[in-house]
């Protein structure tokens, strides 16, 4: 199996070194490090990684702007890496800004080494990644009218009954394997359904699909499990 290639972007050298050791021990290749958002953008262009671990607060260009530029530089998504936002600040504004910027995941820096390695492999496999506390906040935010959560209105009428069912389960936080088990389908078939949902709704990834499921009213937040 091909190793996952990662760029680590953080303005603290000690943090970068720690992440490199953890990921390397987990069998993941760290192909570059960056201390600023601008360096992260250049590193992604140079090394074409699968995943970027992106700090939010960095000099010159912050992680959110770097995320936007990296994804804008890969508009066809063919070479776009998955981006995991890492921060010590568990604040709502960062969660929604990261999702709007196109991040595939959001983790706090107190994550365990095992969880960090698993997170990288999770987004590389195409699954969305939100920590339980972040998921709970996302659900609570959509339960409140007139909030500043990122708007991504989509017409769900183009979806088949099965695709609608899959989207509802995605919003509950189920992985492809869990979806396959619940629906008595193969993982390959589930991946096909997810790909069609993203294509029909013109969404970048599963995180945006979750946002749309809440925003459209397909999923009612108070009846959705906060953690899966």
C-alpha atoms as a PDB file:
ATOM      1  CA  UNK A   1       0.000   0.000   0.000  1.00  0.00           C
ATOM      2  CA  UNK A   2       1.319   3.431  -0.937  1.00  0.00           C
ATOM      3  CA  UNK A   3       2.394   5.518   2.033  1.00  0.00           C
ATOM      4  CA  UNK A   4       0.434   8.656   2.857  1.00  0.00           C
ATOM      5  CA  UNK A   5       2.445  11.833   2.128  1.00  0.00           C
ATOM      6  CA  UNK A   6       2.009  14.732   4.553  1.00  0.00           C
ATOM      7  CA  UNK A   7       3.082  18.364   4.848  1.00  0.00           C
ATOM      8  CA  UNK A   8       3.201  19.711   8.414  1.00  0.00           C
ATOM      9  CA  UNK A   9       2.592  23.464   8.760  1.00  0.00           C
ATOM     10  CA  UNK A  10       3.077  25.099  12.162  1.00  0.00           C
ATOM     11  CA  UNK A  11       5.046  28.148  13.258  1.00  0.00           C
ATOM     12  CA  UNK A  12       6.595  26.280  16.219  1.00  0.00           C
ATOM     13  CA  UNK A  13       9.547  24.058  15.339  1.00  0.00           C
ATOM     14  CA  UNK A  14       8.968  21.875  18.398  1.00  0.00           C
ATOM     15  CA  UNK A  15       5.395  21.148  17.312  1.00  0.00           C
ATOM     16  CA  UNK A  16       6.506  20.290  13.788  1.00  0.00           C
ATOM     17  CA  UNK A  17       9.185  17.950  15.118  1.00  0.00           C
ATOM     18  CA  UNK A  18       6.701  16.245  17.411  1.00  0.00           C
ATOM     19  CA  UNK A  19       4.195  15.717  14.620  1.00  0.00           C
ATOM     20  CA  UNK A  20       6.934  14.402  12.344  1.00  0.00           C
ATOM     21  CA  UNK A  21       8.023  11.824  14.929  1.00  0.00           C
ATOM     22  CA  UNK A  22       4.445  10.712  15.606  1.00  0.00           C
ATOM     23  CA  UNK A  23       3.544  10.378  11.937  1.00  0.00           C
ATOM     24  CA  UNK A  24       6.808   8.689  10.954  1.00  0.00           C
ATOM     25  CA  UNK A  25       6.352   6.159  13.760  1.00  0.00           C
ATOM     26  CA  UNK A  26       2.867   5.529  12.385  1.00  0.00           C
ATOM     27  CA  UNK A  27       4.206   4.712   8.932  1.00  0.00           C
ATOM     28  CA  UNK A  28       3.322   8.062   7.355  1.00  0.00           C
ATOM     29  CA  UNK A  29       5.796  10.058   5.234  1.00  0.00           C
ATOM     30  CA  UNK A  30       6.336  13.716   6.182  1.00  0.00           C
ATOM     31  CA  UNK A  31       7.539  15.188   2.888  1.00  0.00           C
ATOM     32  CA  UNK A  32       7.899  18.827   3.998  1.00  0.00           C
ATOM     33  CA  UNK A  33       7.505  21.242   6.899  1.00  0.00           C
ATOM     34  CA  UNK A  34       6.367  24.875   6.840  1.00  0.00           C
ATOM     35  CA  UNK A  35       6.489  27.668   9.407  1.00  0.00           C
ATOM     36  CA  UNK A  36       4.079  30.056   7.642  1.00  0.00           C
ATOM     37  CA  UNK A  37       1.021  29.816   5.457  1.00  0.00           C
ATOM     38  CA  UNK A  38       3.028  31.011   2.472  1.00  0.00           C
ATOM     39  CA  UNK A  39       5.618  28.282   3.047  1.00  0.00           C
ATOM     40  CA  UNK A  40       2.803  25.736   3.326  1.00  0.00           C
ATOM     41  CA  UNK A  41       1.374  26.825  -0.024  1.00  0.00           C
ATOM     42  CA  UNK A  42       4.803  26.552  -1.673  1.00  0.00           C
ATOM     43  CA  UNK A  43       5.474  23.181  -0.027  1.00  0.00           C
ATOM     44  CA  UNK A  44       2.192  21.762  -1.326  1.00  0.00           C
ATOM     45  CA  UNK A  45       2.967  22.952  -4.860  1.00  0.00           C
ATOM     46  CA  UNK A  46       6.441  21.440  -4.640  1.00  0.00           C
ATOM     47  CA  UNK A  47       5.672  18.075  -3.027  1.00  0.00           C
ATOM     48  CA  UNK A  48       2.016  17.349  -3.927  1.00  0.00           C
ATOM     49  CA  UNK A  49       1.132  15.703  -0.586  1.00  0.00           C
ATOM     50  CA  UNK A  50      -1.985  13.692   0.188  1.00  0.00           C
ATOM     51  CA  UNK A  51      -2.679  15.492   3.466  1.00  0.00           C
ATOM     52  CA  UNK A  52      -1.690  18.805   5.063  1.00  0.00           C
ATOM     53  CA  UNK A  53      -1.671  19.339   8.831  1.00  0.00           C
ATOM     54  CA  UNK A  54      -2.359  23.072   9.011  1.00  0.00           C
ATOM     55  CA  UNK A  55      -2.006  25.310  12.043  1.00  0.00           C
ATOM     56  CA  UNK A  56      -4.368  28.304  12.097  1.00  0.00           C
ATOM     57  CA  UNK A  57      -2.245  31.010  13.712  1.00  0.00           C
ATOM     58  CA  UNK A  58       0.919  31.513  11.680  1.00  0.00           C
ATOM     59  CA  UNK A  59       2.811  34.650  10.591  1.00  0.00           C
ATOM     60  CA  UNK A  60       2.634  36.223   7.111  1.00  0.00           C
ATOM     61  CA  UNK A  61      -0.359  34.125   6.072  1.00  0.00           C
ATOM     62  CA  UNK A  62      -2.600  32.208   8.482  1.00  0.00           C
ATOM     63  CA  UNK A  63      -3.677  28.624   8.009  1.00  0.00           C
ATOM     64  CA  UNK A  64      -7.190  29.483   6.851  1.00  0.00           C
ATOM     65  CA  UNK A  65      -5.946  31.679   4.010  1.00  0.00           C
ATOM     66  CA  UNK A  66      -3.327  29.075   3.097  1.00  0.00           C
ATOM     67  CA  UNK A  67      -6.092  26.460   2.963  1.00  0.00           C
ATOM     68  CA  UNK A  68      -8.165  28.628   0.637  1.00  0.00           C
ATOM     69  CA  UNK A  69      -5.205  29.246  -1.677  1.00  0.00           C
ATOM     70  CA  UNK A  70      -4.139  25.601  -1.774  1.00  0.00           C
ATOM     71  CA  UNK A  71      -7.626  24.449  -2.736  1.00  0.00           C
ATOM     72  CA  UNK A  72      -8.124  27.318  -5.192  1.00  0.00           C
ATOM     73  CA  UNK A  73      -4.867  26.249  -6.831  1.00  0.00           C
ATOM     74  CA  UNK A  74      -6.394  22.803  -7.399  1.00  0.00           C
ATOM     75  CA  UNK A  75      -9.842  23.670  -8.715  1.00  0.00           C
ATOM     76  CA  UNK A  76     -10.281  20.317 -10.458  1.00  0.00           C
ATOM     77  CA  UNK A  77      -9.563  18.573  -7.106  1.00  0.00           C
ATOM     78  CA  UNK A  78      -7.332  16.066  -8.950  1.00  0.00           C
ATOM     79  CA  UNK A  79      -4.223  17.046  -7.022  1.00  0.00           C
ATOM     80  CA  UNK A  80      -5.834  18.793  -4.072  1.00  0.00           C
ATOM     81  CA  UNK A  81      -4.645  17.486  -0.704  1.00  0.00           C
ATOM     82  CA  UNK A  82      -6.955  16.899   2.225  1.00  0.00           C
ATOM     83  CA  UNK A  83      -6.350  19.553   4.864  1.00  0.00           C
ATOM     84  CA  UNK A  84      -6.670  18.974   8.608  1.00  0.00           C
ATOM     85  CA  UNK A  85      -6.808  22.143  10.679  1.00  0.00           C
ATOM     86  CA  UNK A  86      -4.927  21.814  13.970  1.00  0.00           C
ATOM     87  CA  UNK A  87      -5.237  24.411  16.695  1.00  0.00           C
ATOM     88  CA  UNK A  88      -5.043  24.928  20.444  1.00  0.00           C
ATOM     89  CA  UNK A  89      -8.053  27.230  20.249  1.00  0.00           C
ATOM     90  CA  UNK A  90     -11.413  25.465  20.584  1.00  0.00           C
ATOM     91  CA  UNK A  91     -13.423  28.438  19.329  1.00  0.00           C
ATOM     92  CA  UNK A  92     -16.499  28.391  17.099  1.00  0.00           C
ATOM     93  CA  UNK A  93     -15.157  31.030  14.717  1.00  0.00           C
ATOM     94  CA  UNK A  94     -12.272  28.783  13.732  1.00  0.00           C
ATOM     95  CA  UNK A  95     -14.503  25.768  13.185  1.00  0.00           C
ATOM     96  CA  UNK A  96     -16.779  27.518  10.718  1.00  0.00           C
ATOM     97  CA  UNK A  97     -14.020  29.471   9.030  1.00  0.00           C
ATOM     98  CA  UNK A  98     -12.111  26.213   8.497  1.00  0.00           C
ATOM     99  CA  UNK A  99     -15.145  24.436   7.055  1.00  0.00           C
ATOM    100  CA  UNK A 100     -15.899  27.366   4.765  1.00  0.00           C
ATOM    101  CA  UNK A 101     -12.267  27.408   3.621  1.00  0.00           C
ATOM    102  CA  UNK A 102     -12.602  23.786   2.549  1.00  0.00           C
ATOM    103  CA  UNK A 103     -10.822  21.877   5.316  1.00  0.00           C
ATOM    104  CA  UNK A 104     -11.499  18.140   5.509  1.00  0.00           C
ATOM    105  CA  UNK A 105     -11.007  17.959   9.244  1.00  0.00           C
ATOM    106  CA  UNK A 106     -10.524  19.930  12.430  1.00  0.00           C
ATOM    107  CA  UNK A 107      -8.619  18.695  15.488  1.00  0.00           C
ATOM    108  CA  UNK A 108      -7.307  20.220  18.662  1.00  0.00           C
ATOM    109  CA  UNK A 109      -3.570  19.911  19.313  1.00  0.00           C
ATOM    110  CA  UNK A 110      -4.133  17.874  22.466  1.00  0.00           C
ATOM    111  CA  UNK A 111      -5.073  14.923  20.239  1.00  0.00           C
ATOM    112  CA  UNK A 112      -3.336  11.657  21.144  1.00  0.00           C
ATOM    113  CA  UNK A 113      -0.579  10.337  18.845  1.00  0.00           C
ATOM    114  CA  UNK A 114      -2.753   7.381  17.851  1.00  0.00           C
ATOM    115  CA  UNK A 115      -5.684   9.640  17.018  1.00  0.00           C
ATOM    116  CA  UNK A 116      -3.477  11.936  14.949  1.00  0.00           C
ATOM    117  CA  UNK A 117      -2.203   9.061  12.813  1.00  0.00           C
ATOM    118  CA  UNK A 118      -5.731   7.712  12.461  1.00  0.00           C
ATOM    119  CA  UNK A 119      -6.997  11.180  11.506  1.00  0.00           C
ATOM    120  CA  UNK A 120      -4.511  11.462   8.635  1.00  0.00           C
ATOM    121  CA  UNK A 121      -5.471   8.034   7.315  1.00  0.00           C
ATOM    122  CA  UNK A 122      -9.174   8.821   7.741  1.00  0.00           C
ATOM    123  CA  UNK A 123      -9.169  11.936   5.565  1.00  0.00           C
ATOM    124  CA  UNK A 124      -6.853  10.279   3.052  1.00  0.00           C
ATOM    125  CA  UNK A 125      -9.463   7.529   2.686  1.00  0.00           C
ATOM    126  CA  UNK A 126     -12.096  10.141   1.877  1.00  0.00           C
ATOM    127  CA  UNK A 127     -13.891  10.336   5.222  1.00  0.00           C
ATOM    128  CA  UNK A 128     -14.669  13.632   6.929  1.00  0.00           C
ATOM    129  CA  UNK A 129     -12.987  14.272  10.246  1.00  0.00           C
ATOM    130  CA  UNK A 130     -14.453  16.287  13.085  1.00  0.00           C
ATOM    131  CA  UNK A 131     -13.630  15.627  16.718  1.00  0.00           C
ATOM    132  CA  UNK A 132     -16.617  14.783  18.953  1.00  0.00           C
ATOM    133  CA  UNK A 133     -16.527  18.211  20.620  1.00  0.00           C
ATOM    134  CA  UNK A 134     -16.388  19.953  17.248  1.00  0.00           C
ATOM    135  CA  UNK A 135     -19.248  17.821  15.899  1.00  0.00           C
ATOM    136  CA  UNK A 136     -21.355  18.715  18.927  1.00  0.00           C
ATOM    137  CA  UNK A 137     -20.715  22.412  18.381  1.00  0.00           C
ATOM    138  CA  UNK A 138     -21.575  22.110  14.698  1.00  0.00           C
ATOM    139  CA  UNK A 139     -24.888  20.438  15.512  1.00  0.00           C
ATOM    140  CA  UNK A 140     -25.705  23.011  18.192  1.00  0.00           C
ATOM    141  CA  UNK A 141     -24.893  25.863  15.830  1.00  0.00           C
ATOM    142  CA  UNK A 142     -27.293  24.586  13.185  1.00  0.00           C
ATOM    143  CA  UNK A 143     -29.986  24.206  15.837  1.00  0.00           C
ATOM    144  CA  UNK A 144     -29.909  27.977  16.310  1.00  0.00           C
ATOM    145  CA  UNK A 145     -31.615  30.187  13.689  1.00  0.00           C
ATOM    146  CA  UNK A 146     -29.821  33.183  12.262  1.00  0.00           C
ATOM    147  CA  UNK A 147     -26.308  31.932  12.945  1.00  0.00           C
ATOM    148  CA  UNK A 148     -23.138  32.692  11.011  1.00  0.00           C
ATOM    149  CA  UNK A 149     -22.435  29.106   9.940  1.00  0.00           C
ATOM    150  CA  UNK A 150     -21.196  28.904   6.345  1.00  0.00           C
ATOM    151  CA  UNK A 151     -24.085  28.962   3.865  1.00  0.00           C
ATOM    152  CA  UNK A 152     -24.100  26.271   1.194  1.00  0.00           C
ATOM    153  CA  UNK A 153     -27.691  26.067  -0.008  1.00  0.00           C
ATOM    154  CA  UNK A 154     -28.331  23.127  -2.323  1.00  0.00           C
ATOM    155  CA  UNK A 155     -31.428  21.613  -3.927  1.00  0.00           C
ATOM    156  CA  UNK A 156     -31.636  18.004  -2.785  1.00  0.00           C
ATOM    157  CA  UNK A 157     -34.331  17.041  -5.301  1.00  0.00           C
ATOM    158  CA  UNK A 158     -31.667  15.784  -7.701  1.00  0.00           C
ATOM    159  CA  UNK A 159     -30.763  13.005  -5.268  1.00  0.00           C
ATOM    160  CA  UNK A 160     -32.278   9.545  -5.475  1.00  0.00           C
ATOM    161  CA  UNK A 161     -34.004   8.046  -2.434  1.00  0.00           C
ATOM    162  CA  UNK A 162     -30.909   5.964  -1.701  1.00  0.00           C
ATOM    163  CA  UNK A 163     -28.575   8.954  -2.067  1.00  0.00           C
ATOM    164  CA  UNK A 164     -30.780  10.972   0.288  1.00  0.00           C
ATOM    165  CA  UNK A 165     -30.589   8.157   2.815  1.00  0.00           C
ATOM    166  CA  UNK A 166     -26.799   8.041   2.502  1.00  0.00           C
ATOM    167  CA  UNK A 167     -26.554  11.815   2.952  1.00  0.00           C
ATOM    168  CA  UNK A 168     -28.665  11.640   6.103  1.00  0.00           C
ATOM    169  CA  UNK A 169     -26.345   8.977   7.521  1.00  0.00           C
ATOM    170  CA  UNK A 170     -23.262  10.994   6.552  1.00  0.00           C
ATOM    171  CA  UNK A 171     -24.634  13.846   8.631  1.00  0.00           C
ATOM    172  CA  UNK A 172     -24.891  11.474  11.589  1.00  0.00           C
ATOM    173  CA  UNK A 173     -21.121  10.956  11.325  1.00  0.00           C
ATOM    174  CA  UNK A 174     -21.057   7.436   9.903  1.00  0.00           C
ATOM    175  CA  UNK A 175     -17.958   6.254   8.038  1.00  0.00           C
ATOM    176  CA  UNK A 176     -18.088   4.377   4.734  1.00  0.00           C
ATOM    177  CA  UNK A 177     -17.656   1.077   6.577  1.00  0.00           C
ATOM    178  CA  UNK A 178     -20.494   1.896   8.970  1.00  0.00           C
ATOM    179  CA  UNK A 179     -22.715   3.001   6.082  1.00  0.00           C
ATOM    180  CA  UNK A 180     -22.014  -0.250   4.261  1.00  0.00           C
ATOM    181  CA  UNK A 181     -22.935  -2.249   7.346  1.00  0.00           C
ATOM    182  CA  UNK A 182     -26.145  -0.319   8.001  1.00  0.00           C
ATOM    183  CA  UNK A 183     -27.318  -0.437   4.376  1.00  0.00           C
ATOM    184  CA  UNK A 184     -26.111  -3.975   3.622  1.00  0.00           C
ATOM    185  CA  UNK A 185     -23.942  -2.694   0.766  1.00  0.00           C
ATOM    186  CA  UNK A 186     -20.292  -3.035  -0.172  1.00  0.00           C
ATOM    187  CA  UNK A 187     -17.940  -0.177   0.713  1.00  0.00           C
ATOM    188  CA  UNK A 188     -17.301   0.300  -3.005  1.00  0.00           C
ATOM    189  CA  UNK A 189     -21.023   0.880  -3.592  1.00  0.00           C
ATOM    190  CA  UNK A 190     -21.176   3.314  -0.685  1.00  0.00           C
ATOM    191  CA  UNK A 191     -18.226   5.253  -2.114  1.00  0.00           C
ATOM    192  CA  UNK A 192     -20.052   5.454  -5.439  1.00  0.00           C
ATOM    193  CA  UNK A 193     -23.164   6.860  -3.729  1.00  0.00           C
ATOM    194  CA  UNK A 194     -21.088   9.426  -1.831  1.00  0.00           C
ATOM    195  CA  UNK A 195     -19.257  10.468  -5.014  1.00  0.00           C
ATOM    196  CA  UNK A 196     -22.575  10.962  -6.826  1.00  0.00           C
ATOM    197  CA  UNK A 197     -23.964  13.040  -3.966  1.00  0.00           C
ATOM    198  CA  UNK A 198     -20.915  15.320  -4.010  1.00  0.00           C
ATOM    199  CA  UNK A 199     -21.068  15.642  -7.799  1.00  0.00           C
ATOM    200  CA  UNK A 200     -24.810  16.383  -7.944  1.00  0.00           C
ATOM    201  CA  UNK A 201     -24.656  18.959  -5.150  1.00  0.00           C
ATOM    202  CA  UNK A 202     -21.341  20.418  -6.392  1.00  0.00           C
ATOM    203  CA  UNK A 203     -19.636  19.867  -3.049  1.00  0.00           C
ATOM    204  CA  UNK A 204     -15.940  19.453  -2.376  1.00  0.00           C
ATOM    205  CA  UNK A 205     -16.099  16.767   0.298  1.00  0.00           C
ATOM    206  CA  UNK A 206     -18.059  15.031   3.021  1.00  0.00           C
ATOM    207  CA  UNK A 207     -17.699  17.906   5.475  1.00  0.00           C
ATOM    208  CA  UNK A 208     -19.595  20.192   3.113  1.00  0.00           C
ATOM    209  CA  UNK A 209     -22.176  17.436   2.608  1.00  0.00           C
ATOM    210  CA  UNK A 210     -22.783  17.372   6.370  1.00  0.00           C
ATOM    211  CA  UNK A 211     -23.246  21.154   6.416  1.00  0.00           C
ATOM    212  CA  UNK A 212     -25.748  20.955   3.546  1.00  0.00           C
ATOM    213  CA  UNK A 213     -27.690  18.152   5.255  1.00  0.00           C
ATOM    214  CA  UNK A 214     -28.207  20.350   8.320  1.00  0.00           C
ATOM    215  CA  UNK A 215     -28.799  23.565   6.418  1.00  0.00           C
ATOM    216  CA  UNK A 216     -31.368  22.045   4.066  1.00  0.00           C
ATOM    217  CA  UNK A 217     -33.375  20.610   6.949  1.00  0.00           C
ATOM    218  CA  UNK A 218     -32.747  17.021   5.854  1.00  0.00           C
ATOM    219  CA  UNK A 219     -31.319  16.412   9.313  1.00  0.00           C
ATOM    220  CA  UNK A 220     -32.811  18.030  12.409  1.00  0.00           C
ATOM    221  CA  UNK A 221     -29.895  18.782  14.786  1.00  0.00           C
ATOM    222  CA  UNK A 222     -31.650  17.955  18.041  1.00  0.00           C
ATOM    223  CA  UNK A 223     -32.436  14.454  16.761  1.00  0.00           C
ATOM    224  CA  UNK A 224     -28.960  13.806  15.412  1.00  0.00           C
ATOM    225  CA  UNK A 225     -26.372  12.041  17.607  1.00  0.00           C
ATOM    226  CA  UNK A 226     -23.661  14.492  18.667  1.00  0.00           C
ATOM    227  CA  UNK A 227     -21.069  11.790  18.527  1.00  0.00           C
ATOM    228  CA  UNK A 228     -20.695   8.710  16.395  1.00  0.00           C
END
